[in-house]
C-alpha cells in the first residue's frame, strides 16, 4: 500500500514539473523516469519530426485490415450496401487535437490506444480507434456551407450517427467535430486535417520500454470555438 502511494505521488509530481529544459533546448513537460521505466514528455520543435508522421499515418497494416474487414462484414450482413460517392469535403483525413494550457496541439501518445483519427473515402467514413479502423456506411453527406459539413453514418457501433464538421480555422485545417446519435449524448472534439498537421505544435509522450500515464489535457470551450467560424 505504501509503495502504491509513493508511486502515485511520484507520478503526480513528475507530470506537474512544467517547462524544464536541458542543454539541447528541448522543453520538457516531464523528463524523469517513472516507475523504473524511461519516459519523457516534451514539446517537439522540429516540424519535420518523425513523430508528426507517426500520428498522421493512414496506411493499413495486417491488424488494420482485419478490423476494417470485420466492420464491413457487419454492414453487409445488415444489408447496408456500400455505394461509391465523391466526398464533399476537401480534407478527408483527420487527426485529433488536444488543448494544453489554452492552446491546441497535436499529440503523440505513449500508448496508441489513446490515439484517434478519422478518414473519409469514396464509400465509408472510418473511425481509427485504438482497436483499429472501423468502417461506417455514409448514408448521406451534405455541404451546409464552406465551413460546415454534415454526415449521416451507420456502422457496427452506431446505426444512426450524425456528424457535423465545423471548420474554425481554414488556414491551419482545424475543425470541431460535433457528434450525436440516438444512442449517445452529443459530444465535441477538436480535429486537424492530416495534410496540415504541421501547422500546429506537437507534444510528444515518449515511453521507451513500457506503457506509462498519458498527459492530462483541458476540455476546450466549444461554444467559444464555434463562434470563430
Protein backbone atom coordinates (compact mmCIF):
# COMPACT_ATOMS: atom_id res chain seq x y z
CA UNK A 1 0.00 0.00 0.00
CA UNK A 2 2.82 2.40 0.89
CA UNK A 3 4.62 1.53 -2.34
CA UNK A 4 1.44 2.26 -4.33
CA UNK A 5 1.02 5.65 -2.64
CA UNK A 6 4.65 6.52 -3.27
CA UNK A 7 4.34 5.62 -6.96
CA UNK A 8 1.20 7.73 -7.28
CA UNK A 9 2.95 10.65 -5.58
CA UNK A 10 5.95 10.38 -7.93
CA UNK A 11 3.61 10.26 -10.92
CA UNK A 12 1.74 13.35 -9.73
CA UNK A 13 4.91 15.34 -9.08
CA UNK A 14 6.55 14.37 -12.37
CA UNK A 15 3.59 15.43 -14.50
CA UNK A 16 3.50 18.80 -12.83
CA UNK A 17 7.15 19.76 -13.42
CA UNK A 18 6.40 22.14 -16.28
CA UNK A 19 8.84 23.95 -18.53
CA UNK A 20 12.00 22.01 -17.63
CA UNK A 21 14.80 22.47 -20.17
CA UNK A 22 18.01 20.63 -20.99
CA UNK A 23 21.15 21.72 -22.82
CA UNK A 24 19.68 20.84 -26.24
CA UNK A 25 16.94 23.46 -25.78
CA UNK A 26 14.24 20.80 -25.72
CA UNK A 27 11.45 22.00 -23.45
CA UNK A 28 10.28 19.14 -21.26
CA UNK A 29 6.92 18.88 -19.60
CA UNK A 30 8.22 15.80 -17.78
CA UNK A 31 11.53 14.00 -18.25
CA UNK A 32 12.09 11.79 -15.21
CA UNK A 33 11.81 8.03 -15.42
CA UNK A 34 8.58 6.83 -13.84
CA UNK A 35 8.12 3.52 -12.06
CA UNK A 36 11.51 2.31 -13.24
CA UNK A 37 10.86 2.89 -16.96
CA UNK A 38 12.15 5.56 -19.32
CA UNK A 39 9.68 8.28 -20.26
CA UNK A 40 9.84 11.88 -21.44
CA UNK A 41 7.09 14.31 -22.37
CA UNK A 42 8.24 17.30 -24.37
CA UNK A 43 7.36 19.98 -26.93
CA UNK A 44 8.61 18.90 -30.35
CA UNK A 45 10.03 21.94 -32.17
CA UNK A 46 11.09 20.12 -35.34
CA UNK A 47 8.23 20.33 -37.84
CA UNK A 48 9.89 17.54 -39.85
CA UNK A 49 9.87 15.19 -36.86
CA UNK A 50 9.06 11.51 -37.31
CA UNK A 51 6.51 11.93 -34.51
CA UNK A 52 4.28 14.03 -36.80
CA UNK A 53 4.46 11.26 -39.40
CA UNK A 54 3.52 8.56 -36.90
CA UNK A 55 0.30 10.18 -35.72
CA UNK A 56 -0.85 11.15 -39.22
CA UNK A 57 -0.19 7.82 -40.95
CA UNK A 58 -3.28 6.25 -42.53
CA UNK A 59 -1.79 3.14 -44.10
CA UNK A 60 -3.27 -0.29 -43.35
CA UNK A 61 -1.29 -2.92 -41.51
CA UNK A 62 -2.25 -6.57 -41.07
CA UNK A 63 -4.41 -6.00 -37.99
CA UNK A 64 -5.93 -2.85 -39.50
CA UNK A 65 -7.22 -4.89 -42.42
CA UNK A 66 -8.82 -7.38 -40.03
CA UNK A 67 -10.60 -4.63 -38.10
CA UNK A 68 -11.79 -2.88 -41.25
CA UNK A 69 -12.98 -6.12 -42.89
CA UNK A 70 -14.83 -7.16 -39.72
CA UNK A 71 -16.74 -3.88 -39.63
CA UNK A 72 -17.52 -4.13 -43.36
CA UNK A 73 -18.87 -7.64 -42.87
CA UNK A 74 -21.28 -6.26 -40.28
CA UNK A 75 -22.55 -3.75 -42.84
CA UNK A 76 -23.03 -6.47 -45.44
CA UNK A 77 -24.81 -8.80 -43.01
CA UNK A 78 -27.21 -5.99 -42.12
CA UNK A 79 -27.79 -5.12 -45.78
CA UNK A 80 -26.01 -1.77 -45.60
CA UNK A 81 -24.87 -1.78 -49.21
CA UNK A 82 -21.85 0.41 -49.84
CA UNK A 83 -22.06 2.80 -52.78
CA UNK A 84 -19.32 5.00 -54.15
CA UNK A 85 -19.61 8.76 -53.94
CA UNK A 86 -17.12 11.60 -54.03
CA UNK A 87 -16.58 13.21 -50.59
CA UNK A 88 -17.97 16.73 -50.49
CA UNK A 89 -15.36 17.94 -48.04
CA UNK A 90 -11.88 18.84 -49.28
CA UNK A 91 -9.90 17.33 -46.40
CA UNK A 92 -10.61 13.65 -45.91
CA UNK A 93 -8.01 12.59 -43.31
CA UNK A 94 -8.25 13.96 -39.78
CA UNK A 95 -6.25 13.64 -36.55
CA UNK A 96 -7.49 14.53 -33.08
CA UNK A 97 -6.04 17.58 -31.33
CA UNK A 98 -5.65 18.29 -27.62
CA UNK A 99 -5.78 21.52 -25.65
CA UNK A 100 -2.95 22.21 -23.22
CA UNK A 101 -2.51 25.48 -21.31
CA UNK A 102 -5.11 27.14 -23.53
CA UNK A 103 -3.62 26.19 -26.93
CA UNK A 104 -4.25 23.41 -29.45
CA UNK A 105 -1.54 20.81 -30.01
CA UNK A 106 -1.09 17.63 -31.95
CA UNK A 107 -0.24 14.82 -29.51
CA UNK A 108 1.91 11.74 -29.90
CA UNK A 109 0.70 9.44 -27.11
CA UNK A 110 2.64 6.92 -25.11
CA UNK A 111 0.03 4.28 -25.92
CA UNK A 112 -1.61 4.49 -29.36
CA UNK A 113 -4.79 3.04 -27.89
CA UNK A 114 -5.30 6.65 -26.81
CA UNK A 115 -4.92 7.94 -30.37
CA UNK A 116 -7.88 8.74 -32.63
CA UNK A 117 -8.09 9.57 -36.32
CA UNK A 118 -10.90 9.69 -38.89
CA UNK A 119 -10.98 9.41 -42.65
CA UNK A 120 -13.49 9.61 -45.46
CA UNK A 121 -13.16 7.62 -48.67
CA UNK A 122 -15.50 7.08 -51.62
CA UNK A 123 -17.73 4.63 -49.75
CA UNK A 124 -17.11 4.76 -45.97
CA UNK A 125 -16.43 7.03 -43.04
CA UNK A 126 -13.69 5.41 -40.96
CA UNK A 127 -13.13 5.78 -37.22
CA UNK A 128 -9.49 4.92 -36.50
CA UNK A 129 -9.61 3.78 -32.88
CA UNK A 130 -7.12 2.01 -30.65
CA UNK A 131 -8.70 -1.26 -31.82
CA UNK A 132 -8.15 -0.42 -35.48
CA UNK A 133 -10.13 1.25 -38.30
CA UNK A 134 -13.92 0.83 -38.22
CA UNK A 135 -15.88 1.25 -41.46
CA UNK A 136 -19.21 3.10 -41.39
CA UNK A 137 -21.57 3.45 -44.33
CA UNK A 138 -22.14 7.06 -45.35
CA UNK A 139 -25.92 7.29 -45.54
CA UNK A 140 -25.92 10.94 -46.54
CA UNK A 141 -23.46 13.81 -46.80
CA UNK A 142 -24.35 17.49 -47.00
CA UNK A 143 -22.32 20.64 -47.52
CA UNK A 144 -24.13 23.19 -45.36
CA UNK A 145 -21.69 25.98 -46.23
CA UNK A 146 -17.96 26.38 -46.94
CA UNK A 147 -17.13 25.76 -43.28
CA UNK A 148 -19.76 23.19 -42.29
CA UNK A 149 -20.29 19.63 -43.50
CA UNK A 150 -22.71 17.01 -42.22
CA UNK A 151 -22.51 13.23 -42.48
CA UNK A 152 -25.06 10.58 -41.55
CA UNK A 153 -23.42 7.22 -40.92
CA UNK A 154 -24.30 3.67 -39.89
CA UNK A 155 -21.92 1.09 -38.52
CA UNK A 156 -21.18 -1.66 -36.05
CA UNK A 157 -21.28 0.67 -33.04
CA UNK A 158 -23.92 3.22 -34.09
CA UNK A 159 -26.64 2.76 -36.69
CA UNK A 160 -27.74 6.38 -36.92
CA UNK A 161 -24.97 8.84 -36.22
CA UNK A 162 -24.94 12.48 -37.22
CA UNK A 163 -21.51 14.05 -37.55
CA UNK A 164 -21.10 17.76 -38.24
CA UNK A 165 -17.64 19.08 -39.11
CA UNK A 166 -17.26 22.77 -38.22
CA UNK A 167 -14.11 24.23 -39.76
CA UNK A 168 -12.99 27.02 -37.42
CA UNK A 169 -9.55 27.74 -38.94
CA UNK A 170 -9.24 27.01 -42.64
CA UNK A 171 -5.60 28.13 -42.86
CA UNK A 172 -4.46 25.58 -40.29
CA UNK A 173 -7.14 22.99 -41.09
CA UNK A 174 -8.64 22.96 -37.60
CA UNK A 175 -12.22 21.82 -37.05
CA UNK A 176 -14.62 20.98 -34.26
CA UNK A 177 -16.39 17.67 -34.78
CA UNK A 178 -19.92 17.55 -33.36
CA UNK A 179 -21.24 14.01 -32.96
CA UNK A 180 -24.70 12.85 -31.94
CA UNK A 181 -26.93 9.80 -32.20
CA UNK A 182 -29.96 8.23 -30.61
CA UNK A 183 -27.62 6.01 -28.57
CA UNK A 184 -25.24 8.63 -27.14
CA UNK A 185 -25.32 12.21 -25.94
CA UNK A 186 -23.92 14.89 -28.23
CA UNK A 187 -20.23 15.47 -27.81
CA UNK A 188 -17.48 17.55 -29.42
CA UNK A 189 -13.79 17.10 -30.10
CA UNK A 190 -11.11 19.13 -31.95
CA UNK A 191 -9.52 17.70 -35.09
CA UNK A 192 -7.00 18.84 -37.68
CA UNK A 193 -6.67 17.94 -41.35
CA UNK A 194 -3.76 15.48 -41.59
CA UNK A 195 -2.36 17.38 -44.59
CA UNK A 196 -1.89 20.44 -42.36
CA UNK A 197 -0.92 18.79 -39.08
CA UNK A 198 2.43 20.59 -39.05
CA UNK A 199 0.57 23.89 -38.77
CA UNK A 200 0.18 23.21 -35.03
CA UNK A 201 2.87 22.47 -32.42
CA UNK A 202 3.34 18.92 -31.14
CA UNK A 203 3.59 17.38 -27.69
CA UNK A 204 5.35 14.02 -27.58
CA UNK A 205 4.89 11.44 -24.82
CA UNK A 206 7.83 9.14 -25.47
CA UNK A 207 7.81 6.00 -23.31
CA UNK A 208 10.57 3.71 -24.45
CA UNK A 209 10.18 0.48 -22.50
CA UNK A 210 6.65 0.21 -21.12
CA UNK A 211 3.25 1.91 -21.09
CA UNK A 212 3.06 4.98 -18.89
CA UNK A 213 0.47 7.59 -17.98
CA UNK A 214 -0.79 9.96 -20.65
CA UNK A 215 -0.60 13.71 -20.12
CA UNK A 216 -3.85 15.25 -18.90
CA UNK A 217 -5.48 17.84 -21.15
CA UNK A 218 -8.07 20.56 -20.83
CA UNK A 219 -11.60 20.45 -22.20
CA UNK A 220 -11.96 23.25 -24.76
CA UNK A 221 -14.79 25.77 -24.57
CA UNK A 222 -16.55 24.52 -27.68
CA UNK A 223 -19.12 27.29 -27.76
CA UNK A 224 -16.34 29.86 -28.00
CA UNK A 225 -14.56 27.82 -30.66
CA UNK A 226 -17.67 27.51 -32.81
CA UNK A 227 -18.15 31.26 -32.69
CA UNK A 228 -14.83 31.57 -34.57
CA UNK A 229 -16.50 30.26 -37.74
